[in-house]
N, C-alpha and C. Protein backbone atom coordinates (compact mmCIF):
# COMPACT_ATOMS: atom_id res chain seq x y z
N UNK A 1 -30.38 83.92 -70.07
CA UNK A 1 -28.94 83.64 -69.77
C UNK A 1 -28.74 82.20 -69.77
N UNK A 2 -27.81 81.81 -70.44
CA UNK A 2 -27.36 80.39 -70.61
C UNK A 2 -26.28 80.09 -69.57
N UNK A 3 -26.58 79.21 -68.63
CA UNK A 3 -25.54 78.85 -67.57
C UNK A 3 -25.21 77.39 -67.78
N UNK A 4 -24.04 77.24 -68.37
CA UNK A 4 -23.47 75.85 -68.56
C UNK A 4 -22.28 75.71 -67.70
N UNK A 5 -22.21 74.52 -67.10
CA UNK A 5 -21.01 74.16 -66.24
C UNK A 5 -19.83 73.96 -67.14
N UNK A 6 -18.64 74.31 -66.63
CA UNK A 6 -17.44 74.10 -67.47
C UNK A 6 -17.18 72.54 -67.76
N UNK A 7 -16.43 72.25 -68.72
CA UNK A 7 -16.30 70.88 -69.18
C UNK A 7 -15.57 70.02 -68.10
N UNK A 8 -14.78 70.51 -67.28
CA UNK A 8 -14.03 69.68 -66.33
C UNK A 8 -14.80 69.45 -65.08
N UNK A 9 -16.06 69.85 -64.94
CA UNK A 9 -16.85 69.67 -63.74
C UNK A 9 -17.09 68.20 -63.54
N UNK A 10 -17.53 67.45 -64.54
CA UNK A 10 -17.87 66.10 -64.37
C UNK A 10 -16.65 65.17 -63.88
N UNK A 11 -15.40 65.31 -64.44
CA UNK A 11 -14.27 64.53 -63.90
C UNK A 11 -13.98 64.93 -62.44
N UNK A 12 -14.10 66.16 -62.17
CA UNK A 12 -13.77 66.69 -60.78
C UNK A 12 -14.77 66.05 -59.85
N UNK A 13 -16.06 66.06 -60.16
CA UNK A 13 -17.13 65.49 -59.30
C UNK A 13 -16.86 63.95 -59.11
N UNK A 14 -16.50 63.26 -60.23
CA UNK A 14 -16.22 61.85 -60.13
C UNK A 14 -15.06 61.53 -59.28
N UNK A 15 -14.02 62.27 -59.27
CA UNK A 15 -12.85 62.13 -58.44
C UNK A 15 -13.27 62.36 -56.98
N UNK A 16 -13.97 63.46 -56.72
CA UNK A 16 -14.44 63.73 -55.34
C UNK A 16 -15.34 62.57 -54.74
N UNK A 17 -16.26 62.10 -55.57
CA UNK A 17 -17.15 60.95 -55.08
C UNK A 17 -16.39 59.69 -54.84
N UNK A 18 -15.44 59.35 -55.73
CA UNK A 18 -14.71 58.16 -55.49
C UNK A 18 -13.66 58.32 -54.36
N UNK A 19 -13.09 59.43 -54.21
CA UNK A 19 -12.12 59.72 -53.25
C UNK A 19 -12.68 59.77 -51.84
N UNK A 20 -14.02 60.04 -51.70
CA UNK A 20 -14.68 60.18 -50.42
C UNK A 20 -14.93 58.81 -49.77
N UNK A 21 -14.71 57.79 -50.48
CA UNK A 21 -15.00 56.48 -49.79
C UNK A 21 -16.33 55.83 -50.24
N UNK A 22 -17.14 56.65 -50.77
CA UNK A 22 -18.44 56.17 -51.18
C UNK A 22 -18.22 55.46 -52.53
N UNK A 23 -18.99 54.32 -52.66
CA UNK A 23 -18.91 53.58 -53.81
C UNK A 23 -20.24 53.06 -54.21
N UNK A 24 -20.56 53.22 -55.52
CA UNK A 24 -21.86 52.76 -55.96
C UNK A 24 -21.74 51.34 -56.44
N UNK A 25 -20.48 50.83 -56.60
CA UNK A 25 -20.25 49.45 -57.13
C UNK A 25 -20.25 48.52 -55.92
N UNK A 26 -21.05 47.55 -55.93
CA UNK A 26 -21.11 46.59 -54.84
C UNK A 26 -19.82 45.83 -54.73
N UNK A 27 -19.32 45.72 -53.43
CA UNK A 27 -18.08 45.03 -53.26
C UNK A 27 -18.35 43.54 -52.89
N UNK A 28 -17.42 42.72 -53.29
CA UNK A 28 -17.57 41.28 -53.11
C UNK A 28 -17.36 40.94 -51.61
N UNK A 29 -17.84 39.82 -51.17
CA UNK A 29 -17.65 39.37 -49.87
C UNK A 29 -16.48 38.39 -49.70
N UNK A 30 -15.56 38.51 -50.65
CA UNK A 30 -14.54 37.54 -50.69
C UNK A 30 -13.62 37.70 -49.48
N UNK A 31 -13.38 38.89 -49.04
CA UNK A 31 -12.49 39.09 -47.86
C UNK A 31 -13.14 38.53 -46.58
N UNK A 32 -14.37 38.84 -46.37
CA UNK A 32 -15.05 38.36 -45.17
C UNK A 32 -15.25 36.91 -45.20
N UNK A 33 -15.38 36.29 -46.37
CA UNK A 33 -15.50 34.73 -46.44
C UNK A 33 -14.18 34.11 -46.06
N UNK A 34 -13.09 34.73 -46.50
CA UNK A 34 -11.83 34.19 -46.23
C UNK A 34 -11.50 34.27 -44.68
N UNK A 35 -11.86 35.41 -44.11
CA UNK A 35 -11.71 35.56 -42.71
C UNK A 35 -12.53 34.52 -41.88
N UNK A 36 -13.75 34.31 -42.32
CA UNK A 36 -14.67 33.33 -41.60
C UNK A 36 -14.19 31.98 -41.85
N UNK A 37 -13.56 31.65 -43.00
CA UNK A 37 -13.04 30.35 -43.24
C UNK A 37 -11.87 30.03 -42.31
N UNK A 38 -11.10 31.04 -41.93
CA UNK A 38 -9.98 30.76 -41.01
C UNK A 38 -10.37 30.58 -39.58
N UNK A 39 -11.51 31.13 -39.18
CA UNK A 39 -12.04 31.00 -37.78
C UNK A 39 -12.90 29.73 -37.85
N UNK A 40 -12.67 28.66 -37.07
CA UNK A 40 -13.42 27.50 -37.01
C UNK A 40 -14.79 27.84 -36.30
N UNK A 41 -15.86 27.35 -36.99
CA UNK A 41 -17.18 27.56 -36.37
C UNK A 41 -17.49 26.41 -35.33
N UNK A 42 -18.23 26.72 -34.33
CA UNK A 42 -18.68 25.81 -33.40
C UNK A 42 -17.55 24.97 -32.76
N UNK A 43 -16.44 25.54 -32.51
CA UNK A 43 -15.32 24.83 -31.95
C UNK A 43 -15.14 25.31 -30.55
N UNK A 44 -14.83 24.44 -29.62
CA UNK A 44 -14.59 24.85 -28.16
C UNK A 44 -13.44 25.88 -28.17
N UNK A 45 -13.61 26.90 -27.33
CA UNK A 45 -12.58 27.96 -27.32
C UNK A 45 -12.19 28.22 -25.87
N UNK A 46 -11.05 28.80 -25.69
CA UNK A 46 -10.50 29.22 -24.34
C UNK A 46 -10.21 30.69 -24.50
N UNK A 47 -10.13 31.45 -23.40
CA UNK A 47 -9.83 32.78 -23.40
C UNK A 47 -8.50 32.98 -22.66
N UNK A 48 -7.57 33.71 -23.23
CA UNK A 48 -6.32 34.00 -22.61
C UNK A 48 -6.16 35.49 -22.42
N UNK A 49 -6.01 35.87 -21.13
CA UNK A 49 -5.84 37.33 -20.75
C UNK A 49 -4.48 37.51 -20.30
N UNK A 50 -3.68 38.49 -20.81
CA UNK A 50 -2.42 38.82 -20.42
C UNK A 50 -2.56 40.20 -19.78
N UNK A 51 -2.07 40.39 -18.47
CA UNK A 51 -2.16 41.62 -17.80
C UNK A 51 -0.67 42.13 -17.46
N UNK A 52 -0.59 43.40 -17.83
CA UNK A 52 0.77 44.12 -17.46
C UNK A 52 0.50 45.59 -17.19
N UNK A 53 1.25 46.10 -16.26
CA UNK A 53 0.91 47.53 -15.88
C UNK A 53 1.38 48.41 -17.10
N UNK A 54 2.34 48.01 -17.91
CA UNK A 54 2.93 48.82 -19.00
C UNK A 54 1.93 48.82 -20.22
N UNK A 55 1.48 47.65 -20.55
CA UNK A 55 0.61 47.51 -21.79
C UNK A 55 -0.85 47.26 -21.50
N UNK A 56 -1.21 47.12 -20.25
CA UNK A 56 -2.66 46.96 -19.96
C UNK A 56 -3.09 45.51 -20.13
N UNK A 57 -4.35 45.33 -20.39
CA UNK A 57 -4.87 43.89 -20.54
C UNK A 57 -4.98 43.64 -22.11
N UNK A 58 -4.57 42.41 -22.44
CA UNK A 58 -4.78 41.97 -23.76
C UNK A 58 -5.50 40.60 -23.68
N UNK A 59 -6.57 40.41 -24.47
CA UNK A 59 -7.32 39.22 -24.40
C UNK A 59 -7.27 38.54 -25.78
N UNK A 60 -7.12 37.24 -25.83
CA UNK A 60 -7.07 36.49 -27.06
C UNK A 60 -8.03 35.29 -26.88
N UNK A 61 -8.85 35.06 -27.92
CA UNK A 61 -9.71 33.80 -27.97
C UNK A 61 -8.92 32.82 -28.72
N UNK A 62 -8.68 31.60 -28.29
CA UNK A 62 -7.94 30.57 -29.16
C UNK A 62 -8.71 29.27 -29.13
N UNK A 63 -8.68 28.43 -30.14
CA UNK A 63 -9.41 27.24 -30.13
C UNK A 63 -8.71 26.27 -29.08
N UNK A 64 -9.56 25.47 -28.45
CA UNK A 64 -9.05 24.57 -27.51
C UNK A 64 -8.18 23.45 -28.18
N UNK A 65 -8.50 23.12 -29.44
CA UNK A 65 -7.72 22.12 -30.14
C UNK A 65 -6.28 22.46 -30.41
N UNK A 66 -5.99 23.83 -30.48
CA UNK A 66 -4.57 24.28 -30.67
C UNK A 66 -3.84 24.54 -29.36
N UNK A 67 -4.57 24.50 -28.24
CA UNK A 67 -3.97 24.63 -26.94
C UNK A 67 -4.67 23.84 -25.90
N UNK A 68 -4.44 22.53 -25.94
CA UNK A 68 -5.22 21.63 -25.04
C UNK A 68 -4.63 21.71 -23.56
N UNK A 69 -3.41 22.11 -23.41
CA UNK A 69 -2.84 22.21 -22.03
C UNK A 69 -2.37 23.73 -21.76
N UNK A 70 -2.04 23.94 -20.57
CA UNK A 70 -1.63 25.29 -20.20
C UNK A 70 -0.33 25.69 -20.86
N UNK A 71 0.55 24.76 -20.95
CA UNK A 71 1.89 25.07 -21.63
C UNK A 71 1.64 25.44 -23.08
N UNK A 72 0.67 24.73 -23.70
CA UNK A 72 0.39 24.96 -25.16
C UNK A 72 -0.25 26.37 -25.26
N UNK A 73 -1.05 26.75 -24.34
CA UNK A 73 -1.68 28.03 -24.46
C UNK A 73 -0.65 29.17 -24.27
N UNK A 74 0.24 29.00 -23.41
CA UNK A 74 1.37 29.99 -23.18
C UNK A 74 2.23 30.10 -24.48
N UNK A 75 2.47 29.00 -25.09
CA UNK A 75 3.17 28.95 -26.36
C UNK A 75 2.44 29.54 -27.48
N UNK A 76 1.12 29.29 -27.54
CA UNK A 76 0.30 29.80 -28.60
C UNK A 76 0.24 31.39 -28.55
N UNK A 77 0.06 31.92 -27.49
CA UNK A 77 -0.05 33.39 -27.33
C UNK A 77 1.35 34.08 -27.19
N UNK A 78 2.39 33.31 -27.10
CA UNK A 78 3.80 33.83 -26.91
C UNK A 78 3.98 34.64 -25.72
N UNK A 79 3.42 34.19 -24.56
CA UNK A 79 3.55 34.93 -23.31
C UNK A 79 4.96 34.87 -22.86
N UNK A 80 5.67 33.86 -23.10
CA UNK A 80 7.12 33.79 -22.59
C UNK A 80 8.02 34.70 -23.42
N UNK A 81 7.52 35.19 -24.58
CA UNK A 81 8.33 36.10 -25.41
C UNK A 81 7.93 37.53 -24.91
N UNK A 82 6.74 37.72 -24.56
CA UNK A 82 6.30 39.17 -24.15
C UNK A 82 6.64 39.48 -22.76
N UNK A 83 6.71 38.46 -21.81
CA UNK A 83 7.01 38.76 -20.41
C UNK A 83 8.25 37.85 -20.00
N UNK A 84 9.24 38.41 -19.34
CA UNK A 84 10.35 37.63 -18.87
C UNK A 84 9.88 36.68 -17.76
N UNK A 85 9.06 37.20 -16.89
CA UNK A 85 8.47 36.44 -15.73
C UNK A 85 6.96 36.73 -15.63
N UNK A 86 6.23 35.74 -15.18
CA UNK A 86 4.78 36.00 -14.99
C UNK A 86 4.24 34.94 -14.08
N UNK A 87 3.10 35.27 -13.57
CA UNK A 87 2.28 34.36 -12.71
C UNK A 87 1.11 33.89 -13.63
N UNK A 88 0.65 32.66 -13.39
CA UNK A 88 -0.40 32.15 -14.25
C UNK A 88 -1.43 31.40 -13.39
N UNK A 89 -2.76 31.45 -13.86
CA UNK A 89 -3.80 30.76 -13.16
C UNK A 89 -4.82 30.47 -14.30
N UNK A 90 -5.70 29.47 -13.97
CA UNK A 90 -6.79 29.16 -14.79
C UNK A 90 -8.16 29.35 -13.97
N UNK A 91 -9.05 30.14 -14.60
CA UNK A 91 -10.37 30.24 -14.01
C UNK A 91 -11.29 29.40 -14.81
N UNK A 92 -11.89 28.39 -14.08
CA UNK A 92 -12.63 27.34 -14.71
C UNK A 92 -14.12 27.50 -14.28
N UNK A 93 -15.02 27.39 -15.31
CA UNK A 93 -16.50 27.43 -15.08
C UNK A 93 -16.80 26.29 -14.16
N UNK A 94 -17.82 26.58 -13.27
CA UNK A 94 -18.17 25.53 -12.37
C UNK A 94 -18.90 24.36 -13.00
N UNK A 95 -18.86 23.10 -12.46
CA UNK A 95 -19.63 21.95 -13.02
C UNK A 95 -21.08 22.15 -12.79
N UNK A 96 -21.48 22.73 -11.68
CA UNK A 96 -22.88 22.91 -11.43
C UNK A 96 -23.28 24.40 -11.34
N UNK A 97 -24.44 24.78 -11.84
CA UNK A 97 -24.84 26.19 -11.88
C UNK A 97 -24.89 26.63 -10.33
N UNK A 98 -24.58 27.90 -10.14
CA UNK A 98 -24.71 28.53 -8.79
C UNK A 98 -23.48 28.39 -8.01
N UNK A 99 -22.45 27.55 -8.44
CA UNK A 99 -21.22 27.37 -7.71
C UNK A 99 -20.24 28.49 -8.23
N UNK A 100 -19.26 28.81 -7.43
CA UNK A 100 -18.27 29.83 -7.88
C UNK A 100 -17.25 29.15 -8.85
N UNK A 101 -16.68 29.98 -9.66
CA UNK A 101 -15.62 29.51 -10.67
C UNK A 101 -14.49 28.86 -9.87
N UNK A 102 -13.85 27.84 -10.46
CA UNK A 102 -12.70 27.16 -9.82
C UNK A 102 -11.43 27.89 -10.28
N UNK A 103 -10.63 28.13 -9.27
CA UNK A 103 -9.25 28.78 -9.61
C UNK A 103 -8.12 27.79 -9.48
N UNK A 104 -7.42 27.52 -10.62
CA UNK A 104 -6.26 26.60 -10.63
C UNK A 104 -5.08 27.52 -10.75
N UNK A 105 -4.24 27.52 -9.68
CA UNK A 105 -3.14 28.36 -9.68
C UNK A 105 -1.86 27.52 -10.15
N UNK A 106 -1.15 27.96 -11.14
CA UNK A 106 -0.07 27.20 -11.71
C UNK A 106 1.21 27.96 -11.41
N UNK A 107 2.33 27.25 -11.71
CA UNK A 107 3.60 27.92 -11.54
C UNK A 107 4.40 27.86 -12.91
N UNK A 108 5.20 28.81 -13.13
CA UNK A 108 6.01 28.90 -14.29
C UNK A 108 7.42 28.94 -13.95
N UNK A 109 8.22 28.07 -14.53
CA UNK A 109 9.65 28.05 -14.27
C UNK A 109 10.33 29.01 -15.34
N UNK A 110 10.67 30.14 -14.98
CA UNK A 110 11.21 31.13 -15.98
C UNK A 110 12.66 30.80 -16.38
N UNK A 111 13.31 29.99 -15.57
CA UNK A 111 14.69 29.60 -15.99
C UNK A 111 14.59 28.59 -17.18
N UNK A 112 13.70 27.58 -17.11
CA UNK A 112 13.57 26.58 -18.12
C UNK A 112 12.50 27.00 -19.13
N UNK A 113 11.84 28.10 -18.97
CA UNK A 113 10.76 28.64 -19.78
C UNK A 113 9.66 27.56 -20.06
N UNK A 114 9.23 26.96 -18.97
CA UNK A 114 8.11 26.03 -19.16
C UNK A 114 7.41 25.80 -17.79
N UNK A 115 6.17 25.32 -17.92
CA UNK A 115 5.43 24.97 -16.69
C UNK A 115 5.84 23.60 -16.23
N UNK A 116 6.09 23.40 -14.95
CA UNK A 116 6.44 22.08 -14.46
C UNK A 116 5.26 21.07 -14.77
N UNK A 117 5.61 19.91 -14.93
CA UNK A 117 4.64 18.87 -15.38
C UNK A 117 3.44 18.83 -14.42
N UNK A 118 3.67 18.92 -13.14
CA UNK A 118 2.48 18.83 -12.20
C UNK A 118 1.56 20.03 -12.20
N UNK A 119 1.95 21.10 -12.90
CA UNK A 119 1.12 22.29 -12.96
C UNK A 119 0.61 22.54 -14.36
N UNK A 120 0.97 21.69 -15.28
CA UNK A 120 0.53 21.85 -16.68
C UNK A 120 -0.89 21.23 -16.84
N UNK A 121 -1.84 22.05 -16.43
CA UNK A 121 -3.33 21.59 -16.45
C UNK A 121 -3.89 21.32 -17.82
N UNK A 122 -4.71 20.31 -17.91
CA UNK A 122 -5.51 20.06 -19.14
C UNK A 122 -6.66 21.15 -19.21
N UNK A 123 -6.73 21.80 -20.30
CA UNK A 123 -7.78 22.86 -20.39
C UNK A 123 -9.04 22.35 -20.91
N UNK A 124 -10.16 23.05 -20.54
CA UNK A 124 -11.52 22.64 -20.92
C UNK A 124 -12.18 23.81 -21.66
N UNK A 125 -13.21 23.50 -22.42
CA UNK A 125 -13.97 24.57 -23.11
C UNK A 125 -14.45 25.65 -22.10
N UNK A 126 -14.17 26.93 -22.41
CA UNK A 126 -14.65 28.01 -21.57
C UNK A 126 -13.74 28.37 -20.54
N UNK A 127 -12.53 27.75 -20.42
CA UNK A 127 -11.54 28.11 -19.39
C UNK A 127 -11.01 29.48 -19.75
N UNK A 128 -10.59 30.21 -18.67
CA UNK A 128 -9.93 31.56 -18.87
C UNK A 128 -8.61 31.47 -18.28
N UNK A 129 -7.60 31.58 -19.02
CA UNK A 129 -6.20 31.60 -18.59
C UNK A 129 -5.77 33.03 -18.32
N UNK A 130 -5.35 33.29 -17.09
CA UNK A 130 -4.91 34.64 -16.73
C UNK A 130 -3.40 34.65 -16.54
N UNK A 131 -2.72 35.51 -17.29
CA UNK A 131 -1.27 35.61 -17.11
C UNK A 131 -0.97 37.05 -16.67
N UNK A 132 -0.26 37.20 -15.53
CA UNK A 132 0.04 38.47 -14.98
C UNK A 132 1.57 38.53 -14.87
N UNK A 133 2.02 39.74 -15.48
CA UNK A 133 3.48 39.97 -15.55
C UNK A 133 3.97 40.10 -14.08
N UNK A 134 5.06 39.49 -13.88
CA UNK A 134 5.85 39.59 -12.58
C UNK A 134 6.95 40.67 -12.76
N UNK A 135 6.96 41.69 -11.95
CA UNK A 135 7.98 42.78 -12.10
C UNK A 135 9.33 42.46 -11.56
N UNK A 136 9.45 41.28 -10.83
CA UNK A 136 10.75 40.98 -10.27
C UNK A 136 11.80 40.54 -11.34
N UNK A 137 13.04 40.57 -10.96
CA UNK A 137 14.12 40.14 -11.86
C UNK A 137 15.21 39.33 -11.12
N UNK A 138 16.33 39.11 -11.72
CA UNK A 138 17.25 38.25 -11.14
C UNK A 138 17.83 38.79 -9.83
N UNK A 139 17.97 40.16 -9.83
CA UNK A 139 18.45 40.78 -8.68
C UNK A 139 17.57 40.57 -7.43
N UNK A 140 16.25 40.61 -7.74
CA UNK A 140 15.22 40.28 -6.68
C UNK A 140 15.40 38.91 -6.14
N UNK A 141 15.74 37.95 -7.06
CA UNK A 141 16.02 36.54 -6.62
C UNK A 141 17.18 36.51 -5.64
N UNK A 142 18.26 37.18 -6.03
CA UNK A 142 19.44 37.15 -5.16
C UNK A 142 19.13 37.89 -3.80
N UNK A 143 18.64 39.01 -3.87
CA UNK A 143 18.35 39.71 -2.64
C UNK A 143 17.15 39.19 -1.85
N UNK A 144 16.30 38.47 -2.57
CA UNK A 144 15.13 37.83 -1.97
C UNK A 144 15.53 36.79 -0.89
N UNK A 145 16.62 36.06 -1.16
CA UNK A 145 17.00 35.14 -0.21
C UNK A 145 17.52 35.72 1.08
N UNK A 146 18.05 36.95 0.98
CA UNK A 146 18.62 37.66 2.13
C UNK A 146 17.52 38.53 2.80
N UNK A 147 16.74 39.29 2.00
CA UNK A 147 15.89 40.28 2.51
C UNK A 147 14.51 39.72 2.72
N UNK A 148 14.19 38.62 2.02
CA UNK A 148 12.89 37.89 2.15
C UNK A 148 12.45 37.57 3.56
N UNK A 149 13.38 36.82 4.35
CA UNK A 149 13.07 36.51 5.69
C UNK A 149 12.84 37.76 6.63
N UNK A 150 13.68 38.82 6.29
CA UNK A 150 13.54 40.07 7.02
C UNK A 150 12.22 40.73 6.80
N UNK A 151 11.82 40.67 5.52
CA UNK A 151 10.50 41.31 5.15
C UNK A 151 9.41 40.55 5.85
N UNK A 152 9.39 39.20 5.86
CA UNK A 152 8.34 38.42 6.42
C UNK A 152 8.35 38.65 8.04
N UNK A 153 9.51 38.79 8.64
CA UNK A 153 9.60 39.09 10.03
C UNK A 153 8.97 40.48 10.36
N UNK A 154 9.07 41.39 9.37
CA UNK A 154 8.59 42.75 9.60
C UNK A 154 7.04 42.73 9.27
N UNK A 155 6.51 41.64 8.88
CA UNK A 155 5.06 41.58 8.60
C UNK A 155 4.68 41.97 7.26
N UNK A 156 5.65 42.06 6.29
CA UNK A 156 5.46 42.41 4.91
C UNK A 156 5.41 41.22 4.07
N UNK A 157 4.70 41.28 2.98
CA UNK A 157 4.61 40.23 1.96
C UNK A 157 5.95 40.07 1.20
N UNK A 158 6.27 38.78 0.81
CA UNK A 158 7.42 38.56 -0.10
C UNK A 158 7.30 39.35 -1.36
N UNK A 159 8.41 39.65 -1.98
CA UNK A 159 8.40 40.46 -3.27
C UNK A 159 7.75 39.61 -4.39
N UNK A 160 8.00 38.34 -4.49
CA UNK A 160 7.52 37.54 -5.59
C UNK A 160 6.24 36.86 -5.23
N UNK A 161 5.38 37.37 -4.43
CA UNK A 161 4.17 36.80 -4.00
C UNK A 161 3.16 36.79 -5.22
N UNK A 162 2.51 35.69 -5.38
CA UNK A 162 1.59 35.50 -6.53
C UNK A 162 0.40 36.44 -6.30
N UNK A 163 -0.14 37.08 -7.47
CA UNK A 163 -1.33 37.87 -7.28
C UNK A 163 -2.59 37.08 -7.17
N UNK A 164 -2.48 35.80 -7.30
CA UNK A 164 -3.64 34.94 -7.26
C UNK A 164 -3.84 34.41 -5.80
């Protein structure tokens, strides 16, 4: 008995193999080399972490050269566009081994959308900038002036208390 496959078998097999994602043809490394060329090698970096109850934590690594100050880091990651209000701090590696990390708490003026000059810290390699969304709004500002002292008298913390 002569068993021959139908003539259309070879094209169907070729389509199945190519459609499955397998490829016998070596692919070039052009894409990966372009991505590597855009990321500077051996350049000091800082880590920026944005925390929000709605979106969770988002972390970005950015070169220190593009964000030498805290204000530049906020602008680079567009934190002021993602959050209306936020608290900000820098966690800095210790100068000597065995010491705890240094915490630099900053302030952000959400009306002028910038960090006041005295809180715009110069960043160092390895610094971790932590930005935490502040859930308060303008109404809390207005009521805070009235209710804030009563909350404090009752032994409760103010509404706009920094998480740091």
